[in-house]
Amino acid sequence: IKKYQDHDLEKKNTTAARTVEFIRT
């Protein structure tokens, strides 16, 4: 359960980071 939560959070953070980088540009 902990690894699944970490995997889900990492996926969201990766997508959000790329979105924020694009908006910043």
PDBML (XML) file of the C-alpha atoms, coordinates in Angstrom:
<?xml version="1.0" encoding="UTF-8" ?>
<PDBx:datablock datablockName="MODEL"
   xmlns:PDBx="http://pdbml.pdb.org/schema/pdbx-v50.xsd"
   xmlns:xsi="http://www.w3.org/2001/XMLSchema-instance"
   xsi:schemaLocation="http://pdbml.pdb.org/schema/pdbx-v50.xsd pdbx-v50.xsd">
   <PDBx:atom_siteCategory>
      <PDBx:atom_site id="1">
         <PDBx:B_iso_or_equiv>0.00</PDBx:B_iso_or_equiv>
         <PDBx:Cartn_x>0.000</PDBx:Cartn_x>
         <PDBx:Cartn_y>0.000</PDBx:Cartn_y>
         <PDBx:Cartn_z>0.000</PDBx:Cartn_z>
         <PDBx:auth_asym_id>A</PDBx:auth_asym_id>
         <PDBx:auth_atom_id>CA</PDBx:auth_atom_id>
         <PDBx:auth_comp_id>ILE</PDBx:auth_comp_id>
         <PDBx:auth_seq_id>1</PDBx:auth_seq_id>
         <PDBx:group_PDB>ATOM</PDBx:group_PDB>
         <PDBx:label_alt_id xsi:nil="true" />
         <PDBx:label_asym_id>A</PDBx:label_asym_id>
         <PDBx:label_atom_id>CA</PDBx:label_atom_id>
         <PDBx:label_comp_id>ILE</PDBx:label_comp_id>
         <PDBx:label_entity_id>1</PDBx:label_entity_id>
         <PDBx:label_seq_id>1</PDBx:label_seq_id>
         <PDBx:occupancy>1.00</PDBx:occupancy>
         <PDBx:pdbx_PDB_model_num>1</PDBx:pdbx_PDB_model_num>
         <PDBx:type_symbol>C</PDBx:type_symbol>
      </PDBx:atom_site>
      <PDBx:atom_site id="2">
         <PDBx:B_iso_or_equiv>0.00</PDBx:B_iso_or_equiv>
         <PDBx:Cartn_x>2.809</PDBx:Cartn_x>
         <PDBx:Cartn_y>2.432</PDBx:Cartn_y>
         <PDBx:Cartn_z>0.828</PDBx:Cartn_z>
         <PDBx:auth_asym_id>A</PDBx:auth_asym_id>
         <PDBx:auth_atom_id>CA</PDBx:auth_atom_id>
         <PDBx:auth_comp_id>LYS</PDBx:auth_comp_id>
         <PDBx:auth_seq_id>2</PDBx:auth_seq_id>
         <PDBx:group_PDB>ATOM</PDBx:group_PDB>
         <PDBx:label_alt_id xsi:nil="true" />
         <PDBx:label_asym_id>A</PDBx:label_asym_id>
         <PDBx:label_atom_id>CA</PDBx:label_atom_id>
         <PDBx:label_comp_id>LYS</PDBx:label_comp_id>
         <PDBx:label_entity_id>1</PDBx:label_entity_id>
         <PDBx:label_seq_id>2</PDBx:label_seq_id>
         <PDBx:occupancy>1.00</PDBx:occupancy>
         <PDBx:pdbx_PDB_model_num>1</PDBx:pdbx_PDB_model_num>
         <PDBx:type_symbol>C</PDBx:type_symbol>
      </PDBx:atom_site>
      <PDBx:atom_site id="3">
         <PDBx:B_iso_or_equiv>0.00</PDBx:B_iso_or_equiv>
         <PDBx:Cartn_x>4.671</PDBx:Cartn_x>
         <PDBx:Cartn_y>1.673</PDBx:Cartn_y>
         <PDBx:Cartn_z>-2.398</PDBx:Cartn_z>
         <PDBx:auth_asym_id>A</PDBx:auth_asym_id>
         <PDBx:auth_atom_id>CA</PDBx:auth_atom_id>
         <PDBx:auth_comp_id>LYS</PDBx:auth_comp_id>
         <PDBx:auth_seq_id>3</PDBx:auth_seq_id>
         <PDBx:group_PDB>ATOM</PDBx:group_PDB>
         <PDBx:label_alt_id xsi:nil="true" />
         <PDBx:label_asym_id>A</PDBx:label_asym_id>
         <PDBx:label_atom_id>CA</PDBx:label_atom_id>
         <PDBx:label_comp_id>LYS</PDBx:label_comp_id>
         <PDBx:label_entity_id>1</PDBx:label_entity_id>
         <PDBx:label_seq_id>3</PDBx:label_seq_id>
         <PDBx:occupancy>1.00</PDBx:occupancy>
         <PDBx:pdbx_PDB_model_num>1</PDBx:pdbx_PDB_model_num>
         <PDBx:type_symbol>C</PDBx:type_symbol>
      </PDBx:atom_site>
      <PDBx:atom_site id="4">
         <PDBx:B_iso_or_equiv>0.00</PDBx:B_iso_or_equiv>
         <PDBx:Cartn_x>1.460</PDBx:Cartn_x>
         <PDBx:Cartn_y>2.098</PDBx:Cartn_y>
         <PDBx:Cartn_z>-4.399</PDBx:Cartn_z>
         <PDBx:auth_asym_id>A</PDBx:auth_asym_id>
         <PDBx:auth_atom_id>CA</PDBx:auth_atom_id>
         <PDBx:auth_comp_id>TYR</PDBx:auth_comp_id>
         <PDBx:auth_seq_id>4</PDBx:auth_seq_id>
         <PDBx:group_PDB>ATOM</PDBx:group_PDB>
         <PDBx:label_alt_id xsi:nil="true" />
         <PDBx:label_asym_id>A</PDBx:label_asym_id>
         <PDBx:label_atom_id>CA</PDBx:label_atom_id>
         <PDBx:label_comp_id>TYR</PDBx:label_comp_id>
         <PDBx:label_entity_id>1</PDBx:label_entity_id>
         <PDBx:label_seq_id>4</PDBx:label_seq_id>
         <PDBx:occupancy>1.00</PDBx:occupancy>
         <PDBx:pdbx_PDB_model_num>1</PDBx:pdbx_PDB_model_num>
         <PDBx:type_symbol>C</PDBx:type_symbol>
      </PDBx:atom_site>
      <PDBx:atom_site id="5">
         <PDBx:B_iso_or_equiv>0.00</PDBx:B_iso_or_equiv>
         <PDBx:Cartn_x>0.831</PDBx:Cartn_x>
         <PDBx:Cartn_y>5.485</PDBx:Cartn_y>
         <PDBx:Cartn_z>-2.781</PDBx:Cartn_z>
         <PDBx:auth_asym_id>A</PDBx:auth_asym_id>
         <PDBx:auth_atom_id>CA</PDBx:auth_atom_id>
         <PDBx:auth_comp_id>GLN</PDBx:auth_comp_id>
         <PDBx:auth_seq_id>5</PDBx:auth_seq_id>
         <PDBx:group_PDB>ATOM</PDBx:group_PDB>
         <PDBx:label_alt_id xsi:nil="true" />
         <PDBx:label_asym_id>A</PDBx:label_asym_id>
         <PDBx:label_atom_id>CA</PDBx:label_atom_id>
         <PDBx:label_comp_id>GLN</PDBx:label_comp_id>
         <PDBx:label_entity_id>1</PDBx:label_entity_id>
         <PDBx:label_seq_id>5</PDBx:label_seq_id>
         <PDBx:occupancy>1.00</PDBx:occupancy>
         <PDBx:pdbx_PDB_model_num>1</PDBx:pdbx_PDB_model_num>
         <PDBx:type_symbol>C</PDBx:type_symbol>
      </PDBx:atom_site>
      <PDBx:atom_site id="6">
         <PDBx:B_iso_or_equiv>0.00</PDBx:B_iso_or_equiv>
         <PDBx:Cartn_x>4.416</PDBx:Cartn_x>
         <PDBx:Cartn_y>6.557</PDBx:Cartn_y>
         <PDBx:Cartn_z>-3.473</PDBx:Cartn_z>
         <PDBx:auth_asym_id>A</PDBx:auth_asym_id>
         <PDBx:auth_atom_id>CA</PDBx:auth_atom_id>
         <PDBx:auth_comp_id>ASP</PDBx:auth_comp_id>
         <PDBx:auth_seq_id>6</PDBx:auth_seq_id>
         <PDBx:group_PDB>ATOM</PDBx:group_PDB>
         <PDBx:label_alt_id xsi:nil="true" />
         <PDBx:label_asym_id>A</PDBx:label_asym_id>
         <PDBx:label_atom_id>CA</PDBx:label_atom_id>
         <PDBx:label_comp_id>ASP</PDBx:label_comp_id>
         <PDBx:label_entity_id>1</PDBx:label_entity_id>
         <PDBx:label_seq_id>6</PDBx:label_seq_id>
         <PDBx:occupancy>1.00</PDBx:occupancy>
         <PDBx:pdbx_PDB_model_num>1</PDBx:pdbx_PDB_model_num>
         <PDBx:type_symbol>C</PDBx:type_symbol>
      </PDBx:atom_site>
      <PDBx:atom_site id="7">
         <PDBx:B_iso_or_equiv>0.00</PDBx:B_iso_or_equiv>
         <PDBx:Cartn_x>4.103</PDBx:Cartn_x>
         <PDBx:Cartn_y>5.433</PDBx:Cartn_y>
         <PDBx:Cartn_z>-7.099</PDBx:Cartn_z>
         <PDBx:auth_asym_id>A</PDBx:auth_asym_id>
         <PDBx:auth_atom_id>CA</PDBx:auth_atom_id>
         <PDBx:auth_comp_id>HIS</PDBx:auth_comp_id>
         <PDBx:auth_seq_id>7</PDBx:auth_seq_id>
         <PDBx:group_PDB>ATOM</PDBx:group_PDB>
         <PDBx:label_alt_id xsi:nil="true" />
         <PDBx:label_asym_id>A</PDBx:label_asym_id>
         <PDBx:label_atom_id>CA</PDBx:label_atom_id>
         <PDBx:label_comp_id>HIS</PDBx:label_comp_id>
         <PDBx:label_entity_id>1</PDBx:label_entity_id>
         <PDBx:label_seq_id>7</PDBx:label_seq_id>
         <PDBx:occupancy>1.00</PDBx:occupancy>
         <PDBx:pdbx_PDB_model_num>1</PDBx:pdbx_PDB_model_num>
         <PDBx:type_symbol>C</PDBx:type_symbol>
      </PDBx:atom_site>
      <PDBx:atom_site id="8">
         <PDBx:B_iso_or_equiv>0.00</PDBx:B_iso_or_equiv>
         <PDBx:Cartn_x>0.861</PDBx:Cartn_x>
         <PDBx:Cartn_y>7.359</PDBx:Cartn_y>
         <PDBx:Cartn_z>-7.561</PDBx:Cartn_z>
         <PDBx:auth_asym_id>A</PDBx:auth_asym_id>
         <PDBx:auth_atom_id>CA</PDBx:auth_atom_id>
         <PDBx:auth_comp_id>ASP</PDBx:auth_comp_id>
         <PDBx:auth_seq_id>8</PDBx:auth_seq_id>
         <PDBx:group_PDB>ATOM</PDBx:group_PDB>
         <PDBx:label_alt_id xsi:nil="true" />
         <PDBx:label_asym_id>A</PDBx:label_asym_id>
         <PDBx:label_atom_id>CA</PDBx:label_atom_id>
         <PDBx:label_comp_id>ASP</PDBx:label_comp_id>
         <PDBx:label_entity_id>1</PDBx:label_entity_id>
         <PDBx:label_seq_id>8</PDBx:label_seq_id>
         <PDBx:occupancy>1.00</PDBx:occupancy>
         <PDBx:pdbx_PDB_model_num>1</PDBx:pdbx_PDB_model_num>
         <PDBx:type_symbol>C</PDBx:type_symbol>
      </PDBx:atom_site>
      <PDBx:atom_site id="9">
         <PDBx:B_iso_or_equiv>0.00</PDBx:B_iso_or_equiv>
         <PDBx:Cartn_x>2.291</PDBx:Cartn_x>
         <PDBx:Cartn_y>10.483</PDBx:Cartn_y>
         <PDBx:Cartn_z>-5.915</PDBx:Cartn_z>
         <PDBx:auth_asym_id>A</PDBx:auth_asym_id>
         <PDBx:auth_atom_id>CA</PDBx:auth_atom_id>
         <PDBx:auth_comp_id>LEU</PDBx:auth_comp_id>
         <PDBx:auth_seq_id>9</PDBx:auth_seq_id>
         <PDBx:group_PDB>ATOM</PDBx:group_PDB>
         <PDBx:label_alt_id xsi:nil="true" />
         <PDBx:label_asym_id>A</PDBx:label_asym_id>
         <PDBx:label_atom_id>CA</PDBx:label_atom_id>
         <PDBx:label_comp_id>LEU</PDBx:label_comp_id>
         <PDBx:label_entity_id>1</PDBx:label_entity_id>
         <PDBx:label_seq_id>9</PDBx:label_seq_id>
         <PDBx:occupancy>1.00</PDBx:occupancy>
         <PDBx:pdbx_PDB_model_num>1</PDBx:pdbx_PDB_model_num>
         <PDBx:type_symbol>C</PDBx:type_symbol>
      </PDBx:atom_site>
      <PDBx:atom_site id="10">
         <PDBx:B_iso_or_equiv>0.00</PDBx:B_iso_or_equiv>
         <PDBx:Cartn_x>5.469</PDBx:Cartn_x>
         <PDBx:Cartn_y>10.314</PDBx:Cartn_y>
         <PDBx:Cartn_z>-7.996</PDBx:Cartn_z>
         <PDBx:auth_asym_id>A</PDBx:auth_asym_id>
         <PDBx:auth_atom_id>CA</PDBx:auth_atom_id>
         <PDBx:auth_comp_id>GLU</PDBx:auth_comp_id>
         <PDBx:auth_seq_id>10</PDBx:auth_seq_id>
         <PDBx:group_PDB>ATOM</PDBx:group_PDB>
         <PDBx:label_alt_id xsi:nil="true" />
         <PDBx:label_asym_id>A</PDBx:label_asym_id>
         <PDBx:label_atom_id>CA</PDBx:label_atom_id>
         <PDBx:label_comp_id>GLU</PDBx:label_comp_id>
         <PDBx:label_entity_id>1</PDBx:label_entity_id>
         <PDBx:label_seq_id>10</PDBx:label_seq_id>
         <PDBx:occupancy>1.00</PDBx:occupancy>
         <PDBx:pdbx_PDB_model_num>1</PDBx:pdbx_PDB_model_num>
         <PDBx:type_symbol>C</PDBx:type_symbol>
      </PDBx:atom_site>
      <PDBx:atom_site id="11">
         <PDBx:B_iso_or_equiv>0.00</PDBx:B_iso_or_equiv>
         <PDBx:Cartn_x>3.449</PDBx:Cartn_x>
         <PDBx:Cartn_y>10.070</PDBx:Cartn_y>
         <PDBx:Cartn_z>-11.199</PDBx:Cartn_z>
         <PDBx:auth_asym_id>A</PDBx:auth_asym_id>
         <PDBx:auth_atom_id>CA</PDBx:auth_atom_id>
         <PDBx:auth_comp_id>LYS</PDBx:auth_comp_id>
         <PDBx:auth_seq_id>11</PDBx:auth_seq_id>
         <PDBx:group_PDB>ATOM</PDBx:group_PDB>
         <PDBx:label_alt_id xsi:nil="true" />
         <PDBx:label_asym_id>A</PDBx:label_asym_id>
         <PDBx:label_atom_id>CA</PDBx:label_atom_id>
         <PDBx:label_comp_id>LYS</PDBx:label_comp_id>
         <PDBx:label_entity_id>1</PDBx:label_entity_id>
         <PDBx:label_seq_id>11</PDBx:label_seq_id>
         <PDBx:occupancy>1.00</PDBx:occupancy>
         <PDBx:pdbx_PDB_model_num>1</PDBx:pdbx_PDB_model_num>
         <PDBx:type_symbol>C</PDBx:type_symbol>
      </PDBx:atom_site>
      <PDBx:atom_site id="12">
         <PDBx:B_iso_or_equiv>0.00</PDBx:B_iso_or_equiv>
         <PDBx:Cartn_x>1.361</PDBx:Cartn_x>
         <PDBx:Cartn_y>13.117</PDBx:Cartn_y>
         <PDBx:Cartn_z>-10.258</PDBx:Cartn_z>
         <PDBx:auth_asym_id>A</PDBx:auth_asym_id>
         <PDBx:auth_atom_id>CA</PDBx:auth_atom_id>
         <PDBx:auth_comp_id>LYS</PDBx:auth_comp_id>
         <PDBx:auth_seq_id>12</PDBx:auth_seq_id>
         <PDBx:group_PDB>ATOM</PDBx:group_PDB>
         <PDBx:label_alt_id xsi:nil="true" />
         <PDBx:label_asym_id>A</PDBx:label_asym_id>
         <PDBx:label_atom_id>CA</PDBx:label_atom_id>
         <PDBx:label_comp_id>LYS</PDBx:label_comp_id>
         <PDBx:label_entity_id>1</PDBx:label_entity_id>
         <PDBx:label_seq_id>12</PDBx:label_seq_id>
         <PDBx:occupancy>1.00</PDBx:occupancy>
         <PDBx:pdbx_PDB_model_num>1</PDBx:pdbx_PDB_model_num>
         <PDBx:type_symbol>C</PDBx:type_symbol>
      </PDBx:atom_site>
      <PDBx:atom_site id="13">
         <PDBx:B_iso_or_equiv>0.00</PDBx:B_iso_or_equiv>
         <PDBx:Cartn_x>4.430</PDBx:Cartn_x>
         <PDBx:Cartn_y>15.107</PDBx:Cartn_y>
         <PDBx:Cartn_z>-9.239</PDBx:Cartn_z>
         <PDBx:auth_asym_id>A</PDBx:auth_asym_id>
         <PDBx:auth_atom_id>CA</PDBx:auth_atom_id>
         <PDBx:auth_comp_id>ASN</PDBx:auth_comp_id>
         <PDBx:auth_seq_id>13</PDBx:auth_seq_id>
         <PDBx:group_PDB>ATOM</PDBx:group_PDB>
         <PDBx:label_alt_id xsi:nil="true" />
         <PDBx:label_asym_id>A</PDBx:label_asym_id>
         <PDBx:label_atom_id>CA</PDBx:label_atom_id>
         <PDBx:label_comp_id>ASN</PDBx:label_comp_id>
         <PDBx:label_entity_id>1</PDBx:label_entity_id>
         <PDBx:label_seq_id>13</PDBx:label_seq_id>
         <PDBx:occupancy>1.00</PDBx:occupancy>
         <PDBx:pdbx_PDB_model_num>1</PDBx:pdbx_PDB_model_num>
         <PDBx:type_symbol>C</PDBx:type_symbol>
      </PDBx:atom_site>
      <PDBx:atom_site id="14">
         <PDBx:B_iso_or_equiv>0.00</PDBx:B_iso_or_equiv>
         <PDBx:Cartn_x>6.188</PDBx:Cartn_x>
         <PDBx:Cartn_y>14.310</PDBx:Cartn_y>
         <PDBx:Cartn_z>-12.515</PDBx:Cartn_z>
         <PDBx:auth_asym_id>A</PDBx:auth_asym_id>
         <PDBx:auth_atom_id>CA</PDBx:auth_atom_id>
         <PDBx:auth_comp_id>THR</PDBx:auth_comp_id>
         <PDBx:auth_seq_id>14</PDBx:auth_seq_id>
         <PDBx:group_PDB>ATOM</PDBx:group_PDB>
         <PDBx:label_alt_id xsi:nil="true" />
         <PDBx:label_asym_id>A</PDBx:label_asym_id>
         <PDBx:label_atom_id>CA</PDBx:label_atom_id>
         <PDBx:label_comp_id>THR</PDBx:label_comp_id>
         <PDBx:label_entity_id>1</PDBx:label_entity_id>
         <PDBx:label_seq_id>14</PDBx:label_seq_id>
         <PDBx:occupancy>1.00</PDBx:occupancy>
         <PDBx:pdbx_PDB_model_num>1</PDBx:pdbx_PDB_model_num>
         <PDBx:type_symbol>C</PDBx:type_symbol>
      </PDBx:atom_site>
      <PDBx:atom_site id="15">
         <PDBx:B_iso_or_equiv>0.00</PDBx:B_iso_or_equiv>
         <PDBx:Cartn_x>3.227</PDBx:Cartn_x>
         <PDBx:Cartn_y>15.428</PDBx:Cartn_y>
         <PDBx:Cartn_z>-14.609</PDBx:Cartn_z>
         <PDBx:auth_asym_id>A</PDBx:auth_asym_id>
         <PDBx:auth_atom_id>CA</PDBx:auth_atom_id>
         <PDBx:auth_comp_id>THR</PDBx:auth_comp_id>
         <PDBx:auth_seq_id>15</PDBx:auth_seq_id>
         <PDBx:group_PDB>ATOM</PDBx:group_PDB>
         <PDBx:label_alt_id xsi:nil="true" />
         <PDBx:label_asym_id>A</PDBx:label_asym_id>
         <PDBx:label_atom_id>CA</PDBx:label_atom_id>
         <PDBx:label_comp_id>THR</PDBx:label_comp_id>
         <PDBx:label_entity_id>1</PDBx:label_entity_id>
         <PDBx:label_seq_id>15</PDBx:label_seq_id>
         <PDBx:occupancy>1.00</PDBx:occupancy>
         <PDBx:pdbx_PDB_model_num>1</PDBx:pdbx_PDB_model_num>
         <PDBx:type_symbol>C</PDBx:type_symbol>
      </PDBx:atom_site>
      <PDBx:atom_site id="16">
         <PDBx:B_iso_or_equiv>0.00</PDBx:B_iso_or_equiv>
         <PDBx:Cartn_x>2.680</PDBx:Cartn_x>
         <PDBx:Cartn_y>18.562</PDBx:Cartn_y>
         <PDBx:Cartn_z>-12.496</PDBx:Cartn_z>
         <PDBx:auth_asym_id>A</PDBx:auth_asym_id>
         <PDBx:auth_atom_id>CA</PDBx:auth_atom_id>
         <PDBx:auth_comp_id>ALA</PDBx:auth_comp_id>
         <PDBx:auth_seq_id>16</PDBx:auth_seq_id>
         <PDBx:group_PDB>ATOM</PDBx:group_PDB>
         <PDBx:label_alt_id xsi:nil="true" />
         <PDBx:label_asym_id>A</PDBx:label_asym_id>
         <PDBx:label_atom_id>CA</PDBx:label_atom_id>
         <PDBx:label_comp_id>ALA</PDBx:label_comp_id>
         <PDBx:label_entity_id>1</PDBx:label_entity_id>
         <PDBx:label_seq_id>16</PDBx:label_seq_id>
         <PDBx:occupancy>1.00</PDBx:occupancy>
         <PDBx:pdbx_PDB_model_num>1</PDBx:pdbx_PDB_model_num>
         <PDBx:type_symbol>C</PDBx:type_symbol>
      </PDBx:atom_site>
      <PDBx:atom_site id="17">
         <PDBx:B_iso_or_equiv>0.00</PDBx:B_iso_or_equiv>
         <PDBx:Cartn_x>6.379</PDBx:Cartn_x>
         <PDBx:Cartn_y>19.484</PDBx:Cartn_y>
         <PDBx:Cartn_z>-12.663</PDBx:Cartn_z>
         <PDBx:auth_asym_id>A</PDBx:auth_asym_id>
         <PDBx:auth_atom_id>CA</PDBx:auth_atom_id>
         <PDBx:auth_comp_id>ALA</PDBx:auth_comp_id>
         <PDBx:auth_seq_id>17</PDBx:auth_seq_id>
         <PDBx:group_PDB>ATOM</PDBx:group_PDB>
         <PDBx:label_alt_id xsi:nil="true" />
         <PDBx:label_asym_id>A</PDBx:label_asym_id>
         <PDBx:label_atom_id>CA</PDBx:label_atom_id>
         <PDBx:label_comp_id>ALA</PDBx:label_comp_id>
         <PDBx:label_entity_id>1</PDBx:label_entity_id>
         <PDBx:label_seq_id>17</PDBx:label_seq_id>
         <PDBx:occupancy>1.00</PDBx:occupancy>
         <PDBx:pdbx_PDB_model_num>1</PDBx:pdbx_PDB_model_num>
         <PDBx:type_symbol>C</PDBx:type_symbol>
      </PDBx:atom_site>
      <PDBx:atom_site id="18">
         <PDBx:B_iso_or_equiv>0.00</PDBx:B_iso_or_equiv>
         <PDBx:Cartn_x>6.384</PDBx:Cartn_x>
         <PDBx:Cartn_y>19.265</PDBx:Cartn_y>
         <PDBx:Cartn_z>-16.465</PDBx:Cartn_z>
         <PDBx:auth_asym_id>A</PDBx:auth_asym_id>
         <PDBx:auth_atom_id>CA</PDBx:auth_atom_id>
         <PDBx:auth_comp_id>ARG</PDBx:auth_comp_id>
         <PDBx:auth_seq_id>18</PDBx:auth_seq_id>
         <PDBx:group_PDB>ATOM</PDBx:group_PDB>
         <PDBx:label_alt_id xsi:nil="true" />
         <PDBx:label_asym_id>A</PDBx:label_asym_id>
         <PDBx:label_atom_id>CA</PDBx:label_atom_id>
         <PDBx:label_comp_id>ARG</PDBx:label_comp_id>
         <PDBx:label_entity_id>1</PDBx:label_entity_id>
         <PDBx:label_seq_id>18</PDBx:label_seq_id>
         <PDBx:occupancy>1.00</PDBx:occupancy>
         <PDBx:pdbx_PDB_model_num>1</PDBx:pdbx_PDB_model_num>
         <PDBx:type_symbol>C</PDBx:type_symbol>
      </PDBx:atom_site>
      <PDBx:atom_site id="19">
         <PDBx:B_iso_or_equiv>0.00</PDBx:B_iso_or_equiv>
         <PDBx:Cartn_x>3.209</PDBx:Cartn_x>
         <PDBx:Cartn_y>21.339</PDBx:Cartn_y>
         <PDBx:Cartn_z>-16.641</PDBx:Cartn_z>
         <PDBx:auth_asym_id>A</PDBx:auth_asym_id>
         <PDBx:auth_atom_id>CA</PDBx:auth_atom_id>
         <PDBx:auth_comp_id>THR</PDBx:auth_comp_id>
         <PDBx:auth_seq_id>19</PDBx:auth_seq_id>
         <PDBx:group_PDB>ATOM</PDBx:group_PDB>
         <PDBx:label_alt_id xsi:nil="true" />
         <PDBx:label_asym_id>A</PDBx:label_asym_id>
         <PDBx:label_atom_id>CA</PDBx:label_atom_id>
         <PDBx:label_comp_id>THR</PDBx:label_comp_id>
         <PDBx:label_entity_id>1</PDBx:label_entity_id>
         <PDBx:label_seq_id>19</PDBx:label_seq_id>
         <PDBx:occupancy>1.00</PDBx:occupancy>
         <PDBx:pdbx_PDB_model_num>1</PDBx:pdbx_PDB_model_num>
         <PDBx:type_symbol>C</PDBx:type_symbol>
      </PDBx:atom_site>
      <PDBx:atom_site id="20">
         <PDBx:B_iso_or_equiv>0.00</PDBx:B_iso_or_equiv>
         <PDBx:Cartn_x>4.616</PDBx:Cartn_x>
         <PDBx:Cartn_y>24.016</PDBx:Cartn_y>
         <PDBx:Cartn_z>-14.345</PDBx:Cartn_z>
         <PDBx:auth_asym_id>A</PDBx:auth_asym_id>
         <PDBx:auth_atom_id>CA</PDBx:auth_atom_id>
         <PDBx:auth_comp_id>VAL</PDBx:auth_comp_id>
         <PDBx:auth_seq_id>20</PDBx:auth_seq_id>
         <PDBx:group_PDB>ATOM</PDBx:group_PDB>
         <PDBx:label_alt_id xsi:nil="true" />
         <PDBx:label_asym_id>A</PDBx:label_asym_id>
         <PDBx:label_atom_id>CA</PDBx:label_atom_id>
         <PDBx:label_comp_id>VAL</PDBx:label_comp_id>
         <PDBx:label_entity_id>1</PDBx:label_entity_id>
         <PDBx:label_seq_id>20</PDBx:label_seq_id>
         <PDBx:occupancy>1.00</PDBx:occupancy>
         <PDBx:pdbx_PDB_model_num>1</PDBx:pdbx_PDB_model_num>
         <PDBx:type_symbol>C</PDBx:type_symbol>
      </PDBx:atom_site>
      <PDBx:atom_site id="21">
         <PDBx:B_iso_or_equiv>0.00</PDBx:B_iso_or_equiv>
         <PDBx:Cartn_x>7.852</PDBx:Cartn_x>
         <PDBx:Cartn_y>24.130</PDBx:Cartn_y>
         <PDBx:Cartn_z>-16.361</PDBx:Cartn_z>
         <PDBx:auth_asym_id>A</PDBx:auth_asym_id>
         <PDBx:auth_atom_id>CA</PDBx:auth_atom_id>
         <PDBx:auth_comp_id>GLU</PDBx:auth_comp_id>
         <PDBx:auth_seq_id>21</PDBx:auth_seq_id>
         <PDBx:group_PDB>ATOM</PDBx:group_PDB>
         <PDBx:label_alt_id xsi:nil="true" />
         <PDBx:label_asym_id>A</PDBx:label_asym_id>
         <PDBx:label_atom_id>CA</PDBx:label_atom_id>
         <PDBx:label_comp_id>GLU</PDBx:label_comp_id>
         <PDBx:label_entity_id>1</PDBx:label_entity_id>
         <PDBx:label_seq_id>21</PDBx:label_seq_id>
         <PDBx:occupancy>1.00</PDBx:occupancy>
         <PDBx:pdbx_PDB_model_num>1</PDBx:pdbx_PDB_model_num>
         <PDBx:type_symbol>C</PDBx:type_symbol>
      </PDBx:atom_site>
      <PDBx:atom_site id="22">
         <PDBx:B_iso_or_equiv>0.00</PDBx:B_iso_or_equiv>
         <PDBx:Cartn_x>5.898</PDBx:Cartn_x>
         <PDBx:Cartn_y>24.655</PDBx:Cartn_y>
         <PDBx:Cartn_z>-19.570</PDBx:Cartn_z>
         <PDBx:auth_asym_id>A</PDBx:auth_asym_id>
         <PDBx:auth_atom_id>CA</PDBx:auth_atom_id>
         <PDBx:auth_comp_id>PHE</PDBx:auth_comp_id>
         <PDBx:auth_seq_id>22</PDBx:auth_seq_id>
         <PDBx:group_PDB>ATOM</PDBx:group_PDB>
         <PDBx:label_alt_id xsi:nil="true" />
         <PDBx:label_asym_id>A</PDBx:label_asym_id>
         <PDBx:label_atom_id>CA</PDBx:label_atom_id>
         <PDBx:label_comp_id>PHE</PDBx:label_comp_id>
         <PDBx:label_entity_id>1</PDBx:label_entity_id>
         <PDBx:label_seq_id>22</PDBx:label_seq_id>
         <PDBx:occupancy>1.00</PDBx:occupancy>
         <PDBx:pdbx_PDB_model_num>1</PDBx:pdbx_PDB_model_num>
         <PDBx:type_symbol>C</PDBx:type_symbol>
      </PDBx:atom_site>
      <PDBx:atom_site id="23">
         <PDBx:B_iso_or_equiv>0.00</PDBx:B_iso_or_equiv>
         <PDBx:Cartn_x>3.788</PDBx:Cartn_x>
         <PDBx:Cartn_y>27.430</PDBx:Cartn_y>
         <PDBx:Cartn_z>-18.007</PDBx:Cartn_z>
         <PDBx:auth_asym_id>A</PDBx:auth_asym_id>
         <PDBx:auth_atom_id>CA</PDBx:auth_atom_id>
         <PDBx:auth_comp_id>ILE</PDBx:auth_comp_id>
         <PDBx:auth_seq_id>23</PDBx:auth_seq_id>
         <PDBx:group_PDB>ATOM</PDBx:group_PDB>
         <PDBx:label_alt_id xsi:nil="true" />
         <PDBx:label_asym_id>A</PDBx:label_asym_id>
         <PDBx:label_atom_id>CA</PDBx:label_atom_id>
         <PDBx:label_comp_id>ILE</PDBx:label_comp_id>
         <PDBx:label_entity_id>1</PDBx:label_entity_id>
         <PDBx:label_seq_id>23</PDBx:label_seq_id>
         <PDBx:occupancy>1.00</PDBx:occupancy>
         <PDBx:pdbx_PDB_model_num>1</PDBx:pdbx_PDB_model_num>
         <PDBx:type_symbol>C</PDBx:type_symbol>
      </PDBx:atom_site>
      <PDBx:atom_site id="24">
         <PDBx:B_iso_or_equiv>0.00</PDBx:B_iso_or_equiv>
         <PDBx:Cartn_x>6.927</PDBx:Cartn_x>
         <PDBx:Cartn_y>29.057</PDBx:Cartn_y>
         <PDBx:Cartn_z>-16.605</PDBx:Cartn_z>
         <PDBx:auth_asym_id>A</PDBx:auth_asym_id>
         <PDBx:auth_atom_id>CA</PDBx:auth_atom_id>
         <PDBx:auth_comp_id>ARG</PDBx:auth_comp_id>
         <PDBx:auth_seq_id>24</PDBx:auth_seq_id>
         <PDBx:group_PDB>ATOM</PDBx:group_PDB>
         <PDBx:label_alt_id xsi:nil="true" />
         <PDBx:label_asym_id>A</PDBx:label_asym_id>
         <PDBx:label_atom_id>CA</PDBx:label_atom_id>
         <PDBx:label_comp_id>ARG</PDBx:label_comp_id>
         <PDBx:label_entity_id>1</PDBx:label_entity_id>
         <PDBx:label_seq_id>24</PDBx:label_seq_id>
         <PDBx:occupancy>1.00</PDBx:occupancy>
         <PDBx:pdbx_PDB_model_num>1</PDBx:pdbx_PDB_model_num>
         <PDBx:type_symbol>C</PDBx:type_symbol>
      </PDBx:atom_site>
      <PDBx:atom_site id="25">
         <PDBx:B_iso_or_equiv>0.00</PDBx:B_iso_or_equiv>
         <PDBx:Cartn_x>8.440</PDBx:Cartn_x>
         <PDBx:Cartn_y>29.142</PDBx:Cartn_y>
         <PDBx:Cartn_z>-20.094</PDBx:Cartn_z>
         <PDBx:auth_asym_id>A</PDBx:auth_asym_id>
         <PDBx:auth_atom_id>CA</PDBx:auth_atom_id>
         <PDBx:auth_comp_id>THR</PDBx:auth_comp_id>
         <PDBx:auth_seq_id>25</PDBx:auth_seq_id>
         <PDBx:group_PDB>ATOM</PDBx:group_PDB>
         <PDBx:label_alt_id xsi:nil="true" />
         <PDBx:label_asym_id>A</PDBx:label_asym_id>
         <PDBx:label_atom_id>CA</PDBx:label_atom_id>
         <PDBx:label_comp_id>THR</PDBx:label_comp_id>
         <PDBx:label_entity_id>1</PDBx:label_entity_id>
         <PDBx:label_seq_id>25</PDBx:label_seq_id>
         <PDBx:occupancy>1.00</PDBx:occupancy>
         <PDBx:pdbx_PDB_model_num>1</PDBx:pdbx_PDB_model_num>
         <PDBx:type_symbol>C</PDBx:type_symbol>
      </PDBx:atom_site>
   </PDBx:atom_siteCategory>
</PDBx:datablock>
